[in-house]
Amino acid sequence: MQSTISFRLNGKPIQIRTDPDRSLLWVLRCDLGLTGTKFGCGAGLCGACTVVVEKEAVRACATSVGSVRNKQVLTIEGLSRNGRLHPIQQAFLEQHAFQCGFCTPGMIMNAYALLLRNPQATREEIIRAMDDNLCRCGSHPRIVEAIEQAARTMRAGGAR
């Protein structure tokens, strides 16, 4: 049964009429045209679909759109501001922290949520937090370097 679901997406109010049990992933990609959030495993295991809901990383494929009613949702498309990349995005570029790029949006969103929770994250804490985001290209060492760089920039006042 369809109902109207209201939430804030990338800082803007959204209302969508859909089945509340539908996956947030498919609402973002198909209904709202935000294709940065990727479909990977479909079971919440790979992290390709990671978005941030109320400052926590969640797997959009395993999250119903009804569960985000009246909440804040942030996707990779909403991370940059006024044409400027967020420090985590900039660090991924500078550290060449991707190859094929498929996992990158989910990696960035998971790292962003980590740094919101723990701006002083140690290398070990970063590795542990990123462990469930899979990269088949093996870019993990550069990903960790990028997150460390972004954390330094954010602590220095580079962004939220």
N, C-alpha and C. Protein backbone atom coordinates (compact mmCIF):
# COMPACT_ATOMS: atom_id res chain seq x y z
N MET A 1 0.84 -1.17 0.00
CA MET A 1 0.00 0.00 0.00
C MET A 1 0.89 1.24 0.00
N GLN A 2 0.58 2.18 -0.85
CA GLN A 2 1.38 3.40 -0.96
C GLN A 2 0.98 4.42 0.09
N SER A 3 1.97 5.20 0.49
CA SER A 3 1.71 6.33 1.38
C SER A 3 2.72 7.42 1.04
N THR A 4 2.50 8.60 1.56
CA THR A 4 3.41 9.70 1.32
C THR A 4 4.48 9.69 2.41
N ILE A 5 5.72 9.65 1.98
CA ILE A 5 6.87 9.63 2.89
C ILE A 5 7.58 10.97 2.74
N SER A 6 7.79 11.65 3.86
CA SER A 6 8.50 12.93 3.88
C SER A 6 9.80 12.76 4.63
N PHE A 7 10.87 13.32 4.08
CA PHE A 7 12.16 13.33 4.75
C PHE A 7 13.01 14.43 4.13
N ARG A 8 14.15 14.71 4.72
CA ARG A 8 15.08 15.69 4.16
C ARG A 8 16.17 14.92 3.44
N LEU A 9 16.38 15.26 2.19
CA LEU A 9 17.38 14.61 1.36
C LEU A 9 18.40 15.65 0.92
N ASN A 10 19.62 15.46 1.34
CA ASN A 10 20.69 16.39 0.99
C ASN A 10 20.32 17.83 1.33
N GLY A 11 19.65 17.97 2.49
CA GLY A 11 19.30 19.28 3.00
C GLY A 11 17.99 19.86 2.49
N LYS A 12 17.31 19.14 1.60
CA LYS A 12 16.06 19.66 1.04
C LYS A 12 14.90 18.75 1.40
N PRO A 13 13.72 19.34 1.64
CA PRO A 13 12.56 18.50 1.95
C PRO A 13 12.10 17.70 0.73
N ILE A 14 11.76 16.46 0.98
CA ILE A 14 11.30 15.55 -0.08
C ILE A 14 9.98 14.94 0.38
N GLN A 15 9.06 14.79 -0.55
CA GLN A 15 7.85 14.02 -0.32
C GLN A 15 7.71 13.08 -1.51
N ILE A 16 7.50 11.82 -1.21
CA ILE A 16 7.35 10.85 -2.28
C ILE A 16 6.23 9.89 -1.91
N ARG A 17 5.42 9.59 -2.89
CA ARG A 17 4.32 8.64 -2.67
C ARG A 17 4.78 7.28 -3.20
N THR A 18 4.92 6.34 -2.27
CA THR A 18 5.43 5.02 -2.63
C THR A 18 5.10 4.03 -1.52
N ASP A 19 5.40 2.79 -1.75
CA ASP A 19 5.26 1.76 -0.73
C ASP A 19 6.35 1.99 0.32
N PRO A 20 6.01 2.18 1.58
CA PRO A 20 7.01 2.45 2.61
C PRO A 20 8.01 1.31 2.81
N ASP A 21 7.69 0.12 2.34
CA ASP A 21 8.60 -1.02 2.46
C ASP A 21 9.64 -1.08 1.34
N ARG A 22 9.50 -0.21 0.34
CA ARG A 22 10.49 -0.19 -0.75
C ARG A 22 11.86 0.17 -0.22
N SER A 23 12.86 -0.35 -0.85
CA SER A 23 14.24 -0.07 -0.48
C SER A 23 14.57 1.40 -0.74
N LEU A 24 15.22 2.03 0.22
CA LEU A 24 15.68 3.40 0.04
C LEU A 24 16.58 3.51 -1.18
N LEU A 25 17.39 2.49 -1.43
CA LEU A 25 18.27 2.47 -2.59
C LEU A 25 17.51 2.71 -3.88
N TRP A 26 16.42 1.96 -4.08
CA TRP A 26 15.68 2.06 -5.34
C TRP A 26 14.90 3.36 -5.43
N VAL A 27 14.45 3.88 -4.31
CA VAL A 27 13.78 5.19 -4.34
C VAL A 27 14.79 6.26 -4.75
N LEU A 28 15.99 6.22 -4.15
CA LEU A 28 17.02 7.20 -4.50
C LEU A 28 17.39 7.10 -5.97
N ARG A 29 17.67 5.90 -6.44
CA ARG A 29 18.15 5.71 -7.81
C ARG A 29 17.05 5.89 -8.86
N CYS A 30 15.93 5.22 -8.67
CA CYS A 30 14.91 5.18 -9.72
C CYS A 30 13.92 6.34 -9.65
N ASP A 31 13.49 6.68 -8.47
CA ASP A 31 12.47 7.72 -8.34
C ASP A 31 13.07 9.12 -8.29
N LEU A 32 14.23 9.24 -7.65
CA LEU A 32 14.81 10.57 -7.44
C LEU A 32 16.04 10.83 -8.31
N GLY A 33 16.48 9.84 -9.09
CA GLY A 33 17.57 10.03 -10.04
C GLY A 33 18.94 10.23 -9.43
N LEU A 34 19.13 9.83 -8.18
CA LEU A 34 20.42 9.96 -7.52
C LEU A 34 21.18 8.64 -7.64
N THR A 35 21.93 8.50 -8.71
CA THR A 35 22.56 7.22 -9.03
C THR A 35 23.95 7.05 -8.43
N GLY A 36 24.39 8.00 -7.62
CA GLY A 36 25.68 7.84 -6.94
C GLY A 36 25.66 6.72 -5.94
N THR A 37 24.51 6.46 -5.36
CA THR A 37 24.34 5.34 -4.44
C THR A 37 24.21 4.08 -5.29
N LYS A 38 25.16 3.15 -5.13
CA LYS A 38 25.27 2.00 -6.03
C LYS A 38 24.58 0.76 -5.48
N PHE A 39 24.09 -0.07 -6.38
CA PHE A 39 23.60 -1.40 -6.03
C PHE A 39 24.78 -2.36 -6.14
N GLY A 40 25.08 -3.03 -5.04
CA GLY A 40 26.17 -4.01 -5.04
C GLY A 40 25.62 -5.40 -4.81
N CYS A 41 25.53 -5.78 -3.55
CA CYS A 41 25.10 -7.13 -3.20
C CYS A 41 23.60 -7.25 -2.97
N GLY A 42 22.94 -6.17 -2.62
CA GLY A 42 21.52 -6.20 -2.33
C GLY A 42 21.16 -6.79 -0.98
N ALA A 43 22.18 -7.10 -0.18
CA ALA A 43 21.94 -7.70 1.14
C ALA A 43 22.57 -6.91 2.28
N GLY A 44 23.05 -5.71 1.98
CA GLY A 44 23.64 -4.87 3.01
C GLY A 44 25.02 -5.30 3.46
N LEU A 45 25.71 -6.07 2.64
CA LEU A 45 27.00 -6.62 3.05
C LEU A 45 28.22 -5.93 2.44
N CYS A 46 28.08 -5.33 1.25
CA CYS A 46 29.27 -4.82 0.55
C CYS A 46 29.55 -3.35 0.79
N GLY A 47 28.53 -2.58 1.13
CA GLY A 47 28.72 -1.16 1.42
C GLY A 47 28.62 -0.23 0.23
N ALA A 48 28.40 -0.73 -0.97
CA ALA A 48 28.33 0.14 -2.15
C ALA A 48 27.17 1.12 -2.06
N CYS A 49 26.14 0.76 -1.32
CA CYS A 49 24.93 1.58 -1.24
C CYS A 49 24.88 2.46 0.01
N THR A 50 25.99 2.64 0.68
CA THR A 50 26.00 3.37 1.95
C THR A 50 25.59 4.83 1.77
N VAL A 51 24.65 5.26 2.60
CA VAL A 51 24.23 6.65 2.71
C VAL A 51 24.28 6.99 4.20
N VAL A 52 24.09 8.25 4.53
CA VAL A 52 24.10 8.67 5.93
C VAL A 52 22.68 9.11 6.31
N VAL A 53 22.14 8.47 7.35
CA VAL A 53 20.82 8.81 7.88
C VAL A 53 21.02 9.26 9.32
N GLU A 54 20.64 10.51 9.58
CA GLU A 54 20.79 11.06 10.92
C GLU A 54 22.23 10.87 11.43
N LYS A 55 23.19 11.14 10.56
CA LYS A 55 24.63 11.11 10.87
C LYS A 55 25.20 9.72 11.10
N GLU A 56 24.44 8.67 10.72
CA GLU A 56 24.91 7.30 10.83
C GLU A 56 24.93 6.65 9.45
N ALA A 57 25.99 5.91 9.17
CA ALA A 57 26.08 5.19 7.90
C ALA A 57 25.08 4.03 7.91
N VAL A 58 24.29 3.94 6.85
CA VAL A 58 23.34 2.83 6.71
C VAL A 58 23.44 2.29 5.29
N ARG A 59 23.06 1.06 5.13
CA ARG A 59 23.02 0.42 3.82
C ARG A 59 21.64 0.68 3.22
N ALA A 60 21.60 1.45 2.15
CA ALA A 60 20.33 1.84 1.54
C ALA A 60 19.57 0.65 0.96
N CYS A 61 20.27 -0.40 0.57
CA CYS A 61 19.58 -1.57 0.00
C CYS A 61 18.80 -2.32 1.07
N ALA A 62 19.21 -2.19 2.33
CA ALA A 62 18.57 -2.91 3.42
C ALA A 62 17.76 -1.98 4.32
N THR A 63 17.52 -0.76 3.84
CA THR A 63 16.78 0.24 4.60
C THR A 63 15.50 0.58 3.84
N SER A 64 14.37 0.47 4.51
CA SER A 64 13.12 0.83 3.83
C SER A 64 12.97 2.35 3.79
N VAL A 65 12.36 2.84 2.74
CA VAL A 65 12.14 4.28 2.65
C VAL A 65 11.23 4.75 3.78
N GLY A 66 10.33 3.90 4.23
CA GLY A 66 9.46 4.27 5.34
C GLY A 66 10.22 4.51 6.64
N SER A 67 11.35 3.86 6.80
CA SER A 67 12.13 4.01 8.03
C SER A 67 12.88 5.34 8.11
N VAL A 68 12.94 6.08 7.00
CA VAL A 68 13.62 7.38 7.02
C VAL A 68 12.62 8.54 7.10
N ARG A 69 11.36 8.20 7.29
CA ARG A 69 10.32 9.24 7.43
C ARG A 69 10.76 10.26 8.48
N ASN A 70 10.69 11.55 8.10
CA ASN A 70 11.02 12.68 8.99
C ASN A 70 12.48 12.70 9.45
N LYS A 71 13.36 12.04 8.71
CA LYS A 71 14.78 12.02 9.06
C LYS A 71 15.60 12.75 8.02
N GLN A 72 16.88 12.95 8.34
CA GLN A 72 17.85 13.56 7.43
C GLN A 72 18.59 12.45 6.70
N VAL A 73 18.61 12.50 5.38
CA VAL A 73 19.33 11.53 4.56
C VAL A 73 20.34 12.29 3.72
N LEU A 74 21.57 11.81 3.72
CA LEU A 74 22.63 12.43 2.92
C LEU A 74 23.21 11.39 1.99
N THR A 75 23.27 11.73 0.70
CA THR A 75 23.89 10.85 -0.30
C THR A 75 25.18 11.51 -0.78
N ILE A 76 25.92 10.81 -1.58
CA ILE A 76 27.17 11.34 -2.12
C ILE A 76 26.92 12.64 -2.89
N GLU A 77 25.76 12.75 -3.52
CA GLU A 77 25.45 13.96 -4.28
C GLU A 77 25.29 15.19 -3.39
N GLY A 78 24.97 14.99 -2.13
CA GLY A 78 24.76 16.11 -1.23
C GLY A 78 25.96 16.48 -0.38
N LEU A 79 27.07 15.80 -0.57
CA LEU A 79 28.24 16.04 0.27
C LEU A 79 28.99 17.30 -0.10
N SER A 80 29.11 17.58 -1.38
CA SER A 80 29.80 18.81 -1.80
C SER A 80 28.87 20.01 -1.58
N ARG A 81 29.47 21.19 -1.44
CA ARG A 81 28.69 22.41 -1.21
C ARG A 81 29.18 23.52 -2.13
N ASN A 82 28.22 24.17 -2.78
CA ASN A 82 28.53 25.33 -3.63
C ASN A 82 29.64 25.03 -4.63
N GLY A 83 29.60 23.84 -5.21
CA GLY A 83 30.57 23.47 -6.23
C GLY A 83 31.93 23.06 -5.69
N ARG A 84 32.08 23.01 -4.37
CA ARG A 84 33.35 22.61 -3.75
C ARG A 84 33.21 21.21 -3.16
N LEU A 85 34.18 20.38 -3.47
CA LEU A 85 34.17 19.04 -2.91
C LEU A 85 34.35 19.10 -1.40
N HIS A 86 33.73 18.17 -0.72
CA HIS A 86 33.95 18.01 0.72
C HIS A 86 35.39 17.51 0.89
N PRO A 87 36.03 17.82 2.02
CA PRO A 87 37.41 17.35 2.24
C PRO A 87 37.60 15.85 2.06
N ILE A 88 36.59 15.04 2.39
CA ILE A 88 36.75 13.60 2.19
C ILE A 88 36.78 13.26 0.71
N GLN A 89 35.97 13.95 -0.10
CA GLN A 89 35.99 13.73 -1.55
C GLN A 89 37.32 14.20 -2.13
N GLN A 90 37.78 15.37 -1.69
CA GLN A 90 39.05 15.92 -2.18
C GLN A 90 40.20 14.99 -1.82
N ALA A 91 40.19 14.46 -0.62
CA ALA A 91 41.26 13.55 -0.18
C ALA A 91 41.25 12.27 -1.02
N PHE A 92 40.09 11.74 -1.34
CA PHE A 92 40.03 10.55 -2.19
C PHE A 92 40.66 10.83 -3.55
N LEU A 93 40.41 12.01 -4.10
CA LEU A 93 41.04 12.38 -5.37
C LEU A 93 42.55 12.49 -5.22
N GLU A 94 42.99 13.24 -4.22
CA GLU A 94 44.42 13.48 -4.05
C GLU A 94 45.20 12.22 -3.72
N GLN A 95 44.60 11.29 -3.02
CA GLN A 95 45.28 10.04 -2.64
C GLN A 95 45.07 8.94 -3.68
N HIS A 96 44.36 9.23 -4.76
CA HIS A 96 44.05 8.22 -5.79
C HIS A 96 43.44 6.98 -5.12
N ALA A 97 42.44 7.23 -4.26
CA ALA A 97 41.86 6.19 -3.42
C ALA A 97 40.76 5.41 -4.12
N PHE A 98 40.90 5.22 -5.39
CA PHE A 98 39.93 4.42 -6.14
C PHE A 98 40.58 3.99 -7.45
N GLN A 99 40.05 2.93 -8.02
CA GLN A 99 40.45 2.52 -9.35
C GLN A 99 39.21 2.53 -10.23
N CYS A 100 38.38 1.52 -10.10
CA CYS A 100 37.18 1.51 -10.94
C CYS A 100 36.15 2.53 -10.45
N GLY A 101 36.17 2.84 -9.16
CA GLY A 101 35.28 3.86 -8.60
C GLY A 101 33.91 3.37 -8.18
N PHE A 102 33.58 2.11 -8.41
CA PHE A 102 32.25 1.63 -8.08
C PHE A 102 31.96 1.73 -6.59
N CYS A 103 32.92 1.37 -5.76
CA CYS A 103 32.71 1.37 -4.31
C CYS A 103 32.89 2.75 -3.69
N THR A 104 33.45 3.69 -4.44
CA THR A 104 33.87 4.97 -3.88
C THR A 104 32.76 5.75 -3.18
N PRO A 105 31.57 5.92 -3.76
CA PRO A 105 30.54 6.67 -3.03
C PRO A 105 30.22 6.05 -1.67
N GLY A 106 30.09 4.74 -1.61
CA GLY A 106 29.80 4.08 -0.34
C GLY A 106 30.95 4.21 0.64
N MET A 107 32.18 4.11 0.14
CA MET A 107 33.36 4.30 0.99
C MET A 107 33.36 5.71 1.57
N ILE A 108 33.14 6.69 0.72
CA ILE A 108 33.17 8.08 1.16
C ILE A 108 32.08 8.34 2.20
N MET A 109 30.88 7.84 1.98
CA MET A 109 29.79 8.10 2.91
C MET A 109 30.03 7.39 4.25
N ASN A 110 30.57 6.18 4.21
CA ASN A 110 30.90 5.48 5.45
C ASN A 110 31.99 6.23 6.21
N ALA A 111 33.02 6.69 5.50
CA ALA A 111 34.11 7.45 6.12
C ALA A 111 33.60 8.77 6.69
N TYR A 112 32.72 9.44 5.97
CA TYR A 112 32.14 10.70 6.44
C TYR A 112 31.42 10.48 7.77
N ALA A 113 30.57 9.45 7.85
CA ALA A 113 29.85 9.16 9.09
C ALA A 113 30.82 8.83 10.22
N LEU A 114 31.88 8.08 9.91
CA LEU A 114 32.90 7.78 10.91
C LEU A 114 33.50 9.05 11.47
N LEU A 115 33.89 9.98 10.59
CA LEU A 115 34.54 11.21 11.04
C LEU A 115 33.58 12.15 11.76
N LEU A 116 32.28 12.06 11.47
CA LEU A 116 31.30 12.81 12.25
C LEU A 116 31.27 12.31 13.69
N ARG A 117 31.29 10.98 13.82
CA ARG A 117 31.26 10.35 15.15
C ARG A 117 32.58 10.49 15.88
N ASN A 118 33.67 10.36 15.13
CA ASN A 118 34.98 10.28 15.74
C ASN A 118 36.01 11.04 14.90
N PRO A 119 36.07 12.37 15.05
CA PRO A 119 37.00 13.16 14.25
C PRO A 119 38.47 12.85 14.53
N GLN A 120 38.74 12.20 15.65
CA GLN A 120 40.11 11.85 16.04
C GLN A 120 40.41 10.38 15.78
N ALA A 121 39.69 9.76 14.86
CA ALA A 121 39.84 8.32 14.61
C ALA A 121 41.30 7.96 14.33
N THR A 122 41.75 6.92 14.98
CA THR A 122 43.10 6.41 14.73
C THR A 122 43.09 5.57 13.46
N ARG A 123 44.26 5.25 12.96
CA ARG A 123 44.38 4.40 11.78
C ARG A 123 43.66 3.07 12.00
N GLU A 124 43.83 2.49 13.17
CA GLU A 124 43.19 1.21 13.49
C GLU A 124 41.67 1.35 13.51
N GLU A 125 41.17 2.45 14.06
CA GLU A 125 39.72 2.68 14.10
C GLU A 125 39.17 2.89 12.69
N ILE A 126 39.92 3.57 11.84
CA ILE A 126 39.51 3.76 10.45
C ILE A 126 39.44 2.41 9.74
N ILE A 127 40.47 1.62 9.90
CA ILE A 127 40.49 0.30 9.25
C ILE A 127 39.31 -0.54 9.71
N ARG A 128 39.07 -0.56 11.01
CA ARG A 128 37.96 -1.34 11.57
C ARG A 128 36.61 -0.83 11.03
N ALA A 129 36.44 0.49 11.00
CA ALA A 129 35.17 1.07 10.54
C ALA A 129 34.93 0.82 9.05
N MET A 130 35.99 0.73 8.29
CA MET A 130 35.86 0.56 6.84
C MET A 130 35.88 -0.90 6.41
N ASP A 131 36.07 -1.79 7.34
CA ASP A 131 36.24 -3.21 7.04
C ASP A 131 35.07 -3.82 6.28
N ASP A 132 33.86 -3.34 6.51
CA ASP A 132 32.69 -3.92 5.85
C ASP A 132 32.36 -3.27 4.51
N ASN A 133 33.15 -2.31 4.08
CA ASN A 133 32.98 -1.73 2.74
C ASN A 133 34.00 -2.41 1.83
N LEU A 134 33.50 -3.12 0.85
CA LEU A 134 34.37 -3.91 -0.02
C LEU A 134 34.86 -3.12 -1.22
N CYS A 135 36.15 -3.29 -1.54
CA CYS A 135 36.75 -2.75 -2.75
C CYS A 135 37.47 -3.89 -3.43
N ARG A 136 36.97 -4.28 -4.57
CA ARG A 136 37.57 -5.41 -5.30
C ARG A 136 38.88 -5.03 -5.99
N CYS A 137 39.13 -3.73 -6.13
CA CYS A 137 40.36 -3.28 -6.78
C CYS A 137 41.55 -3.28 -5.82
N GLY A 138 41.31 -3.39 -4.53
CA GLY A 138 42.39 -3.42 -3.56
C GLY A 138 42.95 -2.04 -3.23
N SER A 139 42.13 -1.03 -3.27
CA SER A 139 42.58 0.34 -3.00
C SER A 139 42.58 0.68 -1.51
N HIS A 140 42.41 -0.29 -0.65
CA HIS A 140 42.27 -0.03 0.79
C HIS A 140 43.39 0.81 1.39
N PRO A 141 44.67 0.58 1.08
CA PRO A 141 45.71 1.43 1.69
C PRO A 141 45.53 2.92 1.34
N ARG A 142 45.18 3.21 0.10
CA ARG A 142 44.98 4.61 -0.31
C ARG A 142 43.69 5.18 0.28
N ILE A 143 42.70 4.33 0.47
CA ILE A 143 41.44 4.76 1.09
C ILE A 143 41.71 5.19 2.53
N VAL A 144 42.47 4.40 3.25
CA VAL A 144 42.81 4.74 4.64
C VAL A 144 43.60 6.05 4.68
N GLU A 145 44.55 6.22 3.78
CA GLU A 145 45.32 7.47 3.70
C GLU A 145 44.41 8.66 3.43
N ALA A 146 43.45 8.47 2.55
CA ALA A 146 42.53 9.56 2.22
C ALA A 146 41.68 9.94 3.43
N ILE A 147 41.23 8.96 4.17
CA ILE A 147 40.41 9.24 5.35
C ILE A 147 41.24 9.96 6.41
N GLU A 148 42.47 9.54 6.59
CA GLU A 148 43.36 10.23 7.53
C GLU A 148 43.57 11.69 7.11
N GLN A 149 43.80 11.91 5.82
CA GLN A 149 43.99 13.26 5.30
C GLN A 149 42.73 14.11 5.53
N ALA A 150 41.57 13.54 5.22
CA ALA A 150 40.31 14.27 5.40
C ALA A 150 40.08 14.60 6.88
N ALA A 151 40.40 13.68 7.76
CA ALA A 151 40.23 13.92 9.19
C ALA A 151 41.08 15.11 9.63
N ARG A 152 42.31 15.18 9.15
CA ARG A 152 43.18 16.31 9.50
C ARG A 152 42.59 17.62 8.98
N THR A 153 42.12 17.61 7.75
CA THR A 153 41.53 18.81 7.16
C THR A 153 40.29 19.25 7.92
N MET A 154 39.42 18.29 8.24
CA MET A 154 38.18 18.61 8.94
C MET A 154 38.47 19.15 10.35
N ARG A 155 39.44 18.54 11.03
CA ARG A 155 39.80 19.03 12.37
C ARG A 155 40.35 20.44 12.32
N ALA A 156 41.01 20.77 11.22
CA ALA A 156 41.60 22.11 11.07
C ALA A 156 40.56 23.14 10.63
N GLY A 157 39.30 22.71 10.55
CA GLY A 157 38.23 23.64 10.21
C GLY A 157 37.87 23.64 8.74
N GLY A 158 38.28 22.60 8.01
CA GLY A 158 38.03 22.54 6.58
C GLY A 158 36.62 22.23 6.17
N ALA A 159 35.81 21.69 7.08
CA ALA A 159 34.40 21.38 6.76
C ALA A 159 33.76 20.70 7.92
N ARG A 160 32.46 20.51 7.79
CA ARG A 160 31.66 19.85 8.82
C ARG A 160 31.94 18.38 8.91
